[in-house]
């Protein structure tokens, strides 16, 4: 059967350092970069990128802003 144990500490969850965390961590406040949207469904791609980038920035305790520049480009600024 299953043995139930008491007082076993929960291991600390490691932090995942992905592509966007590495990019954002090199930015200073006021820096920006552009992302080309090449997938057929650009709106969904833009929304997905925005979500991923926001999560990455939050994991680094920084704030970003994203704006659609044109149909093919999303620009990301570090604001804090």
N, C-alpha and C. Protein backbone atom coordinates (compact mmCIF):
# COMPACT_ATOMS: atom_id res chain seq x y z
N UNK A 1 0.79 -1.18 0.00
CA UNK A 1 0.00 0.00 0.00
C UNK A 1 0.85 1.27 0.00
N UNK A 2 0.17 2.33 0.23
CA UNK A 2 0.78 3.65 0.25
C UNK A 2 1.12 4.01 1.68
N UNK A 3 2.36 4.48 1.87
CA UNK A 3 2.81 4.89 3.20
C UNK A 3 2.64 6.40 3.32
N UNK A 4 1.88 6.85 4.29
CA UNK A 4 1.68 8.27 4.54
C UNK A 4 2.75 8.73 5.52
N UNK A 5 3.48 9.79 5.12
CA UNK A 5 4.57 10.29 5.95
C UNK A 5 4.27 11.70 6.41
N UNK A 6 4.82 12.07 7.53
CA UNK A 6 4.62 13.39 8.10
C UNK A 6 5.92 14.18 8.07
N UNK A 7 5.79 15.53 8.02
CA UNK A 7 6.92 16.45 8.14
C UNK A 7 7.98 16.29 7.05
N UNK A 8 7.57 15.99 5.84
CA UNK A 8 8.49 15.95 4.70
C UNK A 8 8.39 17.33 4.03
N UNK A 9 9.50 18.11 4.00
CA UNK A 9 9.43 19.46 3.42
C UNK A 9 9.21 19.41 1.90
N UNK A 10 8.50 20.39 1.41
CA UNK A 10 8.26 20.52 -0.04
C UNK A 10 9.50 21.15 -0.66
N UNK A 11 10.09 20.53 -1.69
CA UNK A 11 11.27 21.12 -2.32
C UNK A 11 10.91 22.45 -2.98
N UNK A 12 11.88 23.36 -2.99
CA UNK A 12 11.68 24.65 -3.64
C UNK A 12 11.59 24.43 -5.14
N UNK A 13 10.61 25.04 -5.75
CA UNK A 13 10.43 24.92 -7.20
C UNK A 13 11.53 25.72 -7.89
N UNK A 14 12.18 25.11 -8.84
CA UNK A 14 13.21 25.80 -9.61
C UNK A 14 12.60 26.84 -10.52
N UNK A 15 13.37 27.85 -10.87
CA UNK A 15 12.87 28.85 -11.79
C UNK A 15 13.30 28.46 -13.19
N UNK A 16 12.37 28.53 -14.09
CA UNK A 16 12.65 28.18 -15.47
C UNK A 16 13.10 29.44 -16.20
N UNK A 17 14.27 29.38 -16.77
CA UNK A 17 14.76 30.53 -17.52
C UNK A 17 14.62 30.23 -19.00
N UNK A 18 13.58 30.76 -19.59
CA UNK A 18 13.32 30.52 -20.99
C UNK A 18 13.87 31.64 -21.87
N UNK A 19 13.59 31.50 -23.13
CA UNK A 19 14.07 32.46 -24.13
C UNK A 19 13.69 33.89 -23.78
N UNK A 20 12.41 34.10 -23.44
CA UNK A 20 11.96 35.48 -23.21
C UNK A 20 12.50 36.05 -21.90
N UNK A 21 12.69 35.22 -20.88
CA UNK A 21 13.32 35.71 -19.65
C UNK A 21 14.74 36.18 -19.94
N UNK A 22 15.46 35.43 -20.77
CA UNK A 22 16.84 35.82 -21.11
C UNK A 22 16.86 37.14 -21.87
N UNK A 23 15.94 37.31 -22.81
CA UNK A 23 15.87 38.56 -23.59
C UNK A 23 15.52 39.72 -22.66
N UNK A 24 14.46 39.57 -21.88
CA UNK A 24 14.00 40.65 -21.02
C UNK A 24 15.03 41.01 -19.95
N UNK A 25 15.76 40.03 -19.45
CA UNK A 25 16.72 40.31 -18.39
C UNK A 25 17.88 41.18 -18.88
N UNK A 26 18.10 41.25 -20.17
CA UNK A 26 19.18 42.09 -20.73
C UNK A 26 18.72 43.52 -21.00
N UNK A 27 17.43 43.79 -20.80
CA UNK A 27 16.89 45.11 -21.13
C UNK A 27 16.95 46.07 -19.96
N UNK A 28 17.17 47.35 -20.27
CA UNK A 28 17.04 48.42 -19.30
C UNK A 28 15.69 49.10 -19.52
N UNK A 29 15.23 49.85 -18.53
CA UNK A 29 13.97 50.59 -18.67
C UNK A 29 14.10 51.52 -19.87
N UNK A 30 13.11 51.51 -20.74
CA UNK A 30 13.11 52.33 -21.94
C UNK A 30 13.55 51.58 -23.19
N UNK A 31 14.20 50.42 -23.03
CA UNK A 31 14.60 49.61 -24.18
C UNK A 31 13.37 48.93 -24.79
N UNK A 32 13.47 48.60 -26.06
CA UNK A 32 12.38 47.89 -26.72
C UNK A 32 12.93 46.97 -27.80
N UNK A 33 12.08 46.05 -28.24
CA UNK A 33 12.42 45.19 -29.38
C UNK A 33 11.14 44.85 -30.13
N UNK A 34 11.31 44.46 -31.39
CA UNK A 34 10.17 44.13 -32.24
C UNK A 34 10.15 42.63 -32.51
N UNK A 35 8.94 42.09 -32.63
CA UNK A 35 8.75 40.68 -32.96
C UNK A 35 7.94 40.63 -34.25
N UNK A 36 8.45 39.90 -35.24
CA UNK A 36 7.71 39.69 -36.47
C UNK A 36 6.65 38.62 -36.26
N UNK A 37 5.44 38.89 -36.70
CA UNK A 37 4.35 37.93 -36.59
C UNK A 37 4.19 37.28 -37.96
N UNK A 38 4.58 36.02 -38.06
CA UNK A 38 4.61 35.36 -39.36
C UNK A 38 3.55 34.28 -39.52
N UNK A 39 2.91 33.88 -38.45
CA UNK A 39 1.91 32.82 -38.55
C UNK A 39 0.67 33.33 -39.27
N UNK A 40 -0.07 32.42 -39.91
CA UNK A 40 -1.28 32.84 -40.64
C UNK A 40 -2.29 33.60 -39.78
N UNK A 41 -2.50 33.16 -38.53
CA UNK A 41 -3.45 33.84 -37.64
C UNK A 41 -2.67 34.82 -36.77
N UNK A 42 -2.40 36.00 -37.30
CA UNK A 42 -1.53 36.97 -36.62
C UNK A 42 -2.12 37.49 -35.33
N UNK A 43 -3.44 37.66 -35.27
CA UNK A 43 -4.06 38.16 -34.04
C UNK A 43 -3.84 37.17 -32.90
N UNK A 44 -4.10 35.90 -33.17
CA UNK A 44 -3.91 34.88 -32.13
C UNK A 44 -2.43 34.79 -31.75
N UNK A 45 -1.55 34.86 -32.73
CA UNK A 45 -0.11 34.83 -32.48
C UNK A 45 0.30 36.02 -31.61
N UNK A 46 -0.23 37.21 -31.91
CA UNK A 46 0.09 38.42 -31.14
C UNK A 46 -0.39 38.26 -29.69
N UNK A 47 -1.60 37.77 -29.51
CA UNK A 47 -2.15 37.59 -28.17
C UNK A 47 -1.34 36.56 -27.38
N UNK A 48 -0.93 35.49 -28.06
CA UNK A 48 -0.14 34.45 -27.41
C UNK A 48 1.23 35.01 -26.99
N UNK A 49 1.88 35.74 -27.87
CA UNK A 49 3.18 36.33 -27.55
C UNK A 49 3.05 37.30 -26.37
N UNK A 50 1.99 38.13 -26.41
CA UNK A 50 1.75 39.08 -25.32
C UNK A 50 1.64 38.34 -23.98
N UNK A 51 0.89 37.26 -23.96
CA UNK A 51 0.69 36.49 -22.74
C UNK A 51 2.01 35.88 -22.25
N UNK A 52 2.77 35.30 -23.15
CA UNK A 52 4.05 34.68 -22.79
C UNK A 52 5.02 35.73 -22.26
N UNK A 53 5.09 36.87 -22.94
CA UNK A 53 6.00 37.94 -22.54
C UNK A 53 5.61 38.53 -21.19
N UNK A 54 4.33 38.73 -20.97
CA UNK A 54 3.85 39.28 -19.70
C UNK A 54 4.22 38.34 -18.55
N UNK A 55 4.03 37.04 -18.77
CA UNK A 55 4.37 36.06 -17.75
C UNK A 55 5.88 36.06 -17.48
N UNK A 56 6.68 36.13 -18.54
CA UNK A 56 8.14 36.15 -18.40
C UNK A 56 8.58 37.39 -17.62
N UNK A 57 8.00 38.55 -17.95
CA UNK A 57 8.36 39.79 -17.25
C UNK A 57 7.97 39.71 -15.78
N UNK A 58 6.80 39.18 -15.51
CA UNK A 58 6.34 39.06 -14.12
C UNK A 58 7.28 38.16 -13.32
N UNK A 59 7.78 37.10 -13.95
CA UNK A 59 8.69 36.19 -13.25
C UNK A 59 10.02 36.88 -12.91
N UNK A 60 10.33 37.98 -13.62
CA UNK A 60 11.55 38.74 -13.38
C UNK A 60 11.29 40.02 -12.57
N UNK A 61 10.06 40.20 -12.10
CA UNK A 61 9.65 41.40 -11.35
C UNK A 61 9.86 42.67 -12.16
N UNK A 62 9.50 42.63 -13.43
CA UNK A 62 9.59 43.84 -14.25
C UNK A 62 8.27 44.02 -14.98
N UNK A 63 8.07 45.22 -15.51
CA UNK A 63 6.85 45.51 -16.24
C UNK A 63 7.20 45.85 -17.68
N UNK A 64 6.34 45.37 -18.57
CA UNK A 64 6.52 45.65 -19.99
C UNK A 64 5.22 46.18 -20.57
N UNK A 65 5.32 46.78 -21.72
CA UNK A 65 4.15 47.18 -22.51
C UNK A 65 4.36 46.64 -23.91
N UNK A 66 3.29 46.15 -24.52
CA UNK A 66 3.37 45.69 -25.89
C UNK A 66 2.38 46.48 -26.73
N UNK A 67 2.75 46.73 -27.98
CA UNK A 67 1.85 47.43 -28.91
C UNK A 67 1.98 46.80 -30.29
N UNK A 68 0.86 46.69 -30.94
CA UNK A 68 0.84 46.26 -32.33
C UNK A 68 1.27 47.47 -33.16
N UNK A 69 2.35 47.33 -33.89
CA UNK A 69 2.87 48.43 -34.71
C UNK A 69 2.21 48.42 -36.08
N UNK A 70 2.10 47.25 -36.66
CA UNK A 70 1.35 47.05 -37.90
C UNK A 70 0.89 45.60 -37.91
N UNK A 71 0.34 45.14 -39.01
CA UNK A 71 -0.18 43.77 -39.05
C UNK A 71 0.88 42.71 -38.81
N UNK A 72 2.14 43.04 -39.05
CA UNK A 72 3.20 42.04 -38.96
C UNK A 72 4.15 42.24 -37.79
N UNK A 73 3.95 43.27 -36.97
CA UNK A 73 4.94 43.59 -35.95
C UNK A 73 4.31 43.89 -34.59
N UNK A 74 4.90 43.29 -33.56
CA UNK A 74 4.56 43.58 -32.17
C UNK A 74 5.82 44.15 -31.54
N UNK A 75 5.71 45.30 -30.86
CA UNK A 75 6.87 45.90 -30.20
C UNK A 75 6.68 45.79 -28.70
N UNK A 76 7.79 45.50 -27.99
CA UNK A 76 7.79 45.29 -26.54
C UNK A 76 8.74 46.30 -25.90
N UNK A 77 8.24 47.04 -24.91
CA UNK A 77 9.06 48.01 -24.16
C UNK A 77 9.17 47.55 -22.72
N UNK A 78 10.34 47.75 -22.12
CA UNK A 78 10.46 47.58 -20.67
C UNK A 78 10.16 48.93 -20.05
N UNK A 79 9.18 48.96 -19.15
CA UNK A 79 8.76 50.24 -18.56
C UNK A 79 9.11 50.35 -17.08
N UNK A 80 9.47 49.24 -16.44
CA UNK A 80 9.81 49.29 -15.02
C UNK A 80 10.70 48.13 -14.66
